């Protein structure tokens, strides 16, 4: 219940800052959050405490954003970011199987 209140407060602050509210404003937020969790969990797998897992999610977010910045610097258009995000997530999900097949 507290989480929903914080989400509502965050949405209200964003709408007030922008001066308008749109239905599609937060579409990419869930994708970024899931990508951060998946990348962090795949790269830093193993037995960890809750604090360690939170740190891996932060590192996953940093890695995800860094890859997107590199992709934009290479010359991809901003419209291609959804495709690049899908490829990054696909590679992150395939990484454990690839590593185990080479061992």
N, C-alpha and C. Protein backbone atom coordinates (compact mmCIF):
# COMPACT_ATOMS: atom_id res chain seq x y z
N UNK A 1 0.82 -1.18 0.00
CA UNK A 1 0.00 0.00 0.00
C UNK A 1 0.87 1.25 0.00
N UNK A 2 1.97 1.20 0.74
CA UNK A 2 2.88 2.35 0.77
C UNK A 2 3.54 2.52 -0.60
N UNK A 3 3.86 1.39 -1.25
CA UNK A 3 4.49 1.46 -2.57
C UNK A 3 3.57 2.14 -3.57
N UNK A 4 2.29 1.81 -3.54
CA UNK A 4 1.34 2.45 -4.45
C UNK A 4 1.23 3.94 -4.19
N UNK A 5 1.27 4.33 -2.92
CA UNK A 5 1.21 5.76 -2.59
C UNK A 5 2.45 6.48 -3.11
N UNK A 6 3.62 5.84 -2.97
CA UNK A 6 4.85 6.46 -3.47
C UNK A 6 4.85 6.56 -5.00
N UNK A 7 4.31 5.56 -5.66
CA UNK A 7 4.21 5.60 -7.12
C UNK A 7 3.27 6.71 -7.56
N UNK A 8 2.14 6.84 -6.89
CA UNK A 8 1.20 7.92 -7.20
C UNK A 8 1.81 9.29 -6.96
N UNK A 9 2.55 9.43 -5.87
CA UNK A 9 3.22 10.70 -5.58
C UNK A 9 4.27 11.02 -6.63
N UNK A 10 5.03 10.00 -7.04
CA UNK A 10 6.03 10.21 -8.09
C UNK A 10 5.39 10.62 -9.41
N UNK A 11 4.29 9.98 -9.77
CA UNK A 11 3.58 10.35 -11.00
C UNK A 11 3.03 11.76 -10.94
N UNK A 12 2.53 12.14 -9.77
CA UNK A 12 2.00 13.51 -9.61
C UNK A 12 3.11 14.54 -9.73
N UNK A 13 4.28 14.23 -9.17
CA UNK A 13 5.41 15.16 -9.26
C UNK A 13 5.91 15.30 -10.70
N UNK A 14 5.95 14.19 -11.43
CA UNK A 14 6.37 14.24 -12.83
C UNK A 14 5.37 15.04 -13.65
N UNK A 15 4.09 14.81 -13.43
CA UNK A 15 3.06 15.55 -14.18
C UNK A 15 3.12 17.04 -13.86
N UNK A 16 3.36 17.38 -12.60
CA UNK A 16 3.46 18.79 -12.25
C UNK A 16 4.70 19.42 -12.85
N UNK A 17 5.79 18.69 -12.88
CA UNK A 17 7.03 19.21 -13.46
C UNK A 17 6.89 19.42 -14.96
N UNK A 18 6.23 18.48 -15.65
CA UNK A 18 6.06 18.59 -17.10
C UNK A 18 4.94 19.55 -17.48
N UNK A 19 4.00 19.74 -16.60
CA UNK A 19 2.87 20.61 -16.89
C UNK A 19 1.71 19.88 -17.54
N UNK A 20 1.83 18.58 -17.75
CA UNK A 20 0.76 17.78 -18.33
C UNK A 20 0.95 16.32 -17.91
N UNK A 21 -0.08 15.54 -18.10
CA UNK A 21 -0.02 14.10 -17.84
C UNK A 21 -0.45 13.37 -19.10
N UNK A 22 0.23 12.29 -19.41
CA UNK A 22 -0.07 11.50 -20.59
C UNK A 22 -0.15 10.03 -20.17
N UNK A 23 -0.99 9.28 -20.83
CA UNK A 23 -1.17 7.87 -20.49
C UNK A 23 0.12 7.09 -20.77
N UNK A 24 0.87 7.46 -21.78
CA UNK A 24 2.05 6.71 -22.20
C UNK A 24 3.34 7.22 -21.57
N UNK A 25 3.28 7.98 -20.52
CA UNK A 25 4.49 8.58 -19.95
C UNK A 25 5.44 7.55 -19.34
N UNK A 26 4.96 6.49 -18.74
CA UNK A 26 5.82 5.57 -18.01
C UNK A 26 6.04 4.23 -18.67
N UNK A 27 5.81 4.14 -19.97
CA UNK A 27 5.90 2.85 -20.66
C UNK A 27 7.30 2.26 -20.56
N UNK A 28 8.32 3.03 -20.82
CA UNK A 28 9.69 2.51 -20.83
C UNK A 28 10.27 2.26 -19.46
N UNK A 29 9.64 2.76 -18.42
CA UNK A 29 10.18 2.60 -17.07
C UNK A 29 10.20 1.14 -16.65
N UNK A 30 9.17 0.40 -16.98
CA UNK A 30 9.12 -1.01 -16.61
C UNK A 30 10.16 -1.80 -17.38
N UNK A 31 10.36 -1.46 -18.64
CA UNK A 31 11.37 -2.15 -19.45
C UNK A 31 12.76 -1.92 -18.88
N UNK A 32 13.07 -0.68 -18.50
CA UNK A 32 14.37 -0.37 -17.92
C UNK A 32 14.55 -1.10 -16.59
N UNK A 33 13.50 -1.13 -15.78
CA UNK A 33 13.60 -1.81 -14.49
C UNK A 33 13.83 -3.31 -14.66
N UNK A 34 13.08 -3.93 -15.56
CA UNK A 34 13.27 -5.37 -15.79
C UNK A 34 14.63 -5.67 -16.40
N UNK A 35 15.08 -4.81 -17.32
CA UNK A 35 16.40 -5.01 -17.92
C UNK A 35 17.48 -4.90 -16.86
N UNK A 36 17.36 -3.95 -15.97
CA UNK A 36 18.35 -3.78 -14.90
C UNK A 36 18.40 -5.00 -14.00
N UNK A 37 17.23 -5.51 -13.64
CA UNK A 37 17.18 -6.69 -12.77
C UNK A 37 17.77 -7.90 -13.47
N UNK A 38 17.38 -8.12 -14.71
CA UNK A 38 17.86 -9.30 -15.44
C UNK A 38 19.36 -9.23 -15.66
N UNK A 39 19.87 -8.09 -16.10
CA UNK A 39 21.31 -7.96 -16.35
C UNK A 39 22.08 -8.13 -15.06
N UNK A 40 21.63 -7.49 -13.98
CA UNK A 40 22.32 -7.62 -12.71
C UNK A 40 22.32 -9.05 -12.19
N UNK A 41 21.21 -9.74 -12.30
CA UNK A 41 21.12 -11.11 -11.81
C UNK A 41 21.94 -12.08 -12.66
N UNK A 42 21.99 -11.85 -13.96
CA UNK A 42 22.72 -12.76 -14.83
C UNK A 42 24.23 -12.58 -14.68
N UNK A 43 24.69 -11.35 -14.66
CA UNK A 43 26.13 -11.11 -14.59
C UNK A 43 26.69 -11.45 -13.22
N UNK A 44 25.97 -11.10 -12.17
CA UNK A 44 26.45 -11.33 -10.81
C UNK A 44 25.60 -12.40 -10.15
N UNK A 45 25.63 -13.62 -10.67
CA UNK A 45 24.79 -14.68 -10.13
C UNK A 45 25.48 -15.35 -8.95
N UNK A 46 24.71 -16.09 -8.19
CA UNK A 46 25.25 -16.81 -7.05
C UNK A 46 24.44 -16.53 -5.80
N UNK A 47 24.91 -17.07 -4.69
CA UNK A 47 24.25 -16.87 -3.40
C UNK A 47 24.63 -15.51 -2.85
N UNK A 48 23.64 -14.63 -2.68
CA UNK A 48 23.90 -13.28 -2.19
C UNK A 48 22.82 -12.88 -1.20
N UNK A 49 23.17 -11.91 -0.38
CA UNK A 49 22.19 -11.35 0.55
C UNK A 49 21.31 -10.35 -0.21
N UNK A 50 20.30 -9.84 0.48
CA UNK A 50 19.40 -8.87 -0.14
C UNK A 50 20.14 -7.60 -0.53
N UNK A 51 21.05 -7.15 0.32
CA UNK A 51 21.83 -5.95 0.01
C UNK A 51 22.68 -6.17 -1.23
N UNK A 52 23.31 -7.34 -1.33
CA UNK A 52 24.11 -7.64 -2.51
C UNK A 52 23.25 -7.67 -3.77
N UNK A 53 22.05 -8.21 -3.66
CA UNK A 53 21.16 -8.25 -4.82
C UNK A 53 20.73 -6.85 -5.24
N UNK A 54 20.47 -5.97 -4.28
CA UNK A 54 20.13 -4.59 -4.62
C UNK A 54 21.30 -3.90 -5.33
N UNK A 55 22.50 -4.18 -4.88
CA UNK A 55 23.69 -3.60 -5.52
C UNK A 55 23.84 -4.13 -6.94
N UNK A 56 23.54 -5.43 -7.15
CA UNK A 56 23.64 -5.97 -8.51
C UNK A 56 22.62 -5.34 -9.44
N UNK A 57 21.44 -5.00 -8.92
CA UNK A 57 20.43 -4.32 -9.75
C UNK A 57 20.93 -2.93 -10.14
N UNK A 58 21.57 -2.23 -9.21
CA UNK A 58 22.14 -0.91 -9.53
C UNK A 58 23.21 -1.05 -10.59
N UNK A 59 24.10 -2.04 -10.44
CA UNK A 59 25.12 -2.27 -11.47
C UNK A 59 24.50 -2.66 -12.81
N UNK A 60 23.44 -3.47 -12.77
CA UNK A 60 22.73 -3.82 -14.00
C UNK A 60 22.15 -2.61 -14.68
N UNK A 61 21.62 -1.68 -13.91
CA UNK A 61 21.08 -0.44 -14.47
C UNK A 61 22.18 0.40 -15.10
N UNK A 62 23.32 0.49 -14.42
CA UNK A 62 24.45 1.26 -14.96
C UNK A 62 24.94 0.63 -16.26
N UNK A 63 25.06 -0.69 -16.28
CA UNK A 63 25.51 -1.38 -17.50
C UNK A 63 24.51 -1.16 -18.64
N UNK A 64 23.22 -1.28 -18.34
CA UNK A 64 22.19 -1.10 -19.36
C UNK A 64 22.24 0.30 -19.95
N UNK A 65 22.31 1.31 -19.09
CA UNK A 65 22.37 2.70 -19.57
C UNK A 65 23.65 2.97 -20.34
N UNK A 66 24.76 2.39 -19.89
CA UNK A 66 26.03 2.57 -20.59
C UNK A 66 25.96 1.99 -22.00
N UNK A 67 25.38 0.81 -22.13
CA UNK A 67 25.25 0.20 -23.45
C UNK A 67 24.37 1.06 -24.36
N UNK A 68 23.28 1.61 -23.82
CA UNK A 68 22.43 2.48 -24.63
C UNK A 68 23.15 3.74 -25.07
N UNK A 69 23.97 4.32 -24.20
CA UNK A 69 24.75 5.51 -24.57
C UNK A 69 25.75 5.17 -25.67
N UNK A 70 26.39 4.02 -25.56
CA UNK A 70 27.35 3.60 -26.59
C UNK A 70 26.63 3.39 -27.92
N UNK A 71 25.45 2.78 -27.88
CA UNK A 71 24.69 2.54 -29.10
C UNK A 71 24.30 3.86 -29.76
N UNK A 72 23.87 4.84 -28.97
CA UNK A 72 23.54 6.15 -29.53
C UNK A 72 24.78 6.86 -30.06
N UNK A 73 25.92 6.67 -29.40
CA UNK A 73 27.16 7.30 -29.87
C UNK A 73 27.64 6.67 -31.18
N UNK A 74 27.34 5.40 -31.38
CA UNK A 74 27.72 4.73 -32.63
C UNK A 74 26.97 5.32 -33.81
N UNK A 75 25.73 5.76 -33.57
CA UNK A 75 24.98 6.37 -34.65
C UNK A 75 23.60 5.82 -34.87
N UNK A 76 23.15 4.92 -34.00
CA UNK A 76 21.78 4.43 -34.11
C UNK A 76 20.83 5.57 -33.79
N UNK A 77 19.65 5.54 -34.40
CA UNK A 77 18.66 6.58 -34.09
C UNK A 77 17.95 6.23 -32.79
N UNK A 78 17.32 7.23 -32.22
CA UNK A 78 16.60 7.02 -30.96
C UNK A 78 15.41 6.08 -31.14
N UNK A 79 14.92 5.96 -32.37
CA UNK A 79 13.80 5.05 -32.64
C UNK A 79 14.21 3.59 -32.55
N UNK A 80 15.50 3.31 -32.71
CA UNK A 80 16.00 1.94 -32.67
C UNK A 80 16.29 1.45 -31.26
N UNK A 81 16.06 2.27 -30.25
CA UNK A 81 16.40 1.88 -28.88
C UNK A 81 15.56 0.71 -28.37
N UNK A 82 14.32 0.59 -28.83
CA UNK A 82 13.50 -0.55 -28.41
C UNK A 82 14.08 -1.85 -28.95
N UNK A 83 14.54 -1.82 -30.19
CA UNK A 83 15.17 -3.01 -30.77
C UNK A 83 16.45 -3.35 -30.04
N UNK A 84 17.26 -2.33 -29.76
CA UNK A 84 18.52 -2.55 -29.05
C UNK A 84 18.25 -3.08 -27.64
N UNK A 85 17.23 -2.56 -26.98
CA UNK A 85 16.87 -3.04 -25.65
C UNK A 85 16.46 -4.52 -25.70
N UNK A 86 15.71 -4.89 -26.71
CA UNK A 86 15.31 -6.29 -26.85
C UNK A 86 16.51 -7.19 -27.10
N UNK A 87 17.45 -6.73 -27.90
CA UNK A 87 18.66 -7.52 -28.17
C UNK A 87 19.49 -7.66 -26.90
N UNK A 88 19.63 -6.58 -26.15
CA UNK A 88 20.40 -6.62 -24.89
C UNK A 88 19.77 -7.61 -23.92
N UNK A 89 18.45 -7.56 -23.78
CA UNK A 89 17.77 -8.50 -22.88
C UNK A 89 17.89 -9.93 -23.37
N UNK A 90 17.79 -10.14 -24.67
CA UNK A 90 17.96 -11.48 -25.21
C UNK A 90 19.34 -12.04 -24.94
N UNK A 91 20.36 -11.21 -25.14
CA UNK A 91 21.73 -11.65 -24.86
C UNK A 91 21.94 -11.92 -23.37
N UNK A 92 21.36 -11.08 -22.53
CA UNK A 92 21.50 -11.29 -21.09
C UNK A 92 20.83 -12.59 -20.65
N UNK A 93 19.70 -12.92 -21.26
CA UNK A 93 19.03 -14.17 -20.92
C UNK A 93 19.75 -15.39 -21.48
N UNK A 94 20.44 -15.23 -22.61
CA UNK A 94 21.17 -16.34 -23.21
C UNK A 94 22.54 -16.55 -22.59
N UNK A 95 23.07 -15.56 -21.89
CA UNK A 95 24.44 -15.62 -21.37
C UNK A 95 24.71 -16.83 -20.48
N UNK A 96 23.85 -17.18 -19.52
CA UNK A 96 24.15 -18.37 -18.70
C UNK A 96 24.24 -19.66 -19.52
N UNK A 97 23.38 -19.82 -20.52
CA UNK A 97 23.43 -21.02 -21.35
C UNK A 97 24.69 -21.05 -22.20
N UNK A 98 25.10 -19.90 -22.72
CA UNK A 98 26.32 -19.84 -23.52
C UNK A 98 27.55 -20.17 -22.68
N UNK A 99 27.60 -19.64 -21.47
CA UNK A 99 28.74 -19.90 -20.60
C UNK A 99 28.81 -21.37 -20.22
N UNK A 100 27.67 -21.97 -19.90
CA UNK A 100 27.67 -23.39 -19.51
C UNK A 100 27.99 -24.30 -20.70
N UNK A 101 27.65 -23.89 -21.91
CA UNK A 101 27.96 -24.74 -23.07
C UNK A 101 29.44 -24.70 -23.43
N UNK A 102 30.14 -23.63 -23.07
CA UNK A 102 31.57 -23.55 -23.36
C UNK A 102 32.42 -24.19 -22.28
N UNK A 103 31.82 -24.60 -21.17
CA UNK A 103 32.60 -25.22 -20.09
C UNK A 103 32.67 -26.71 -20.23
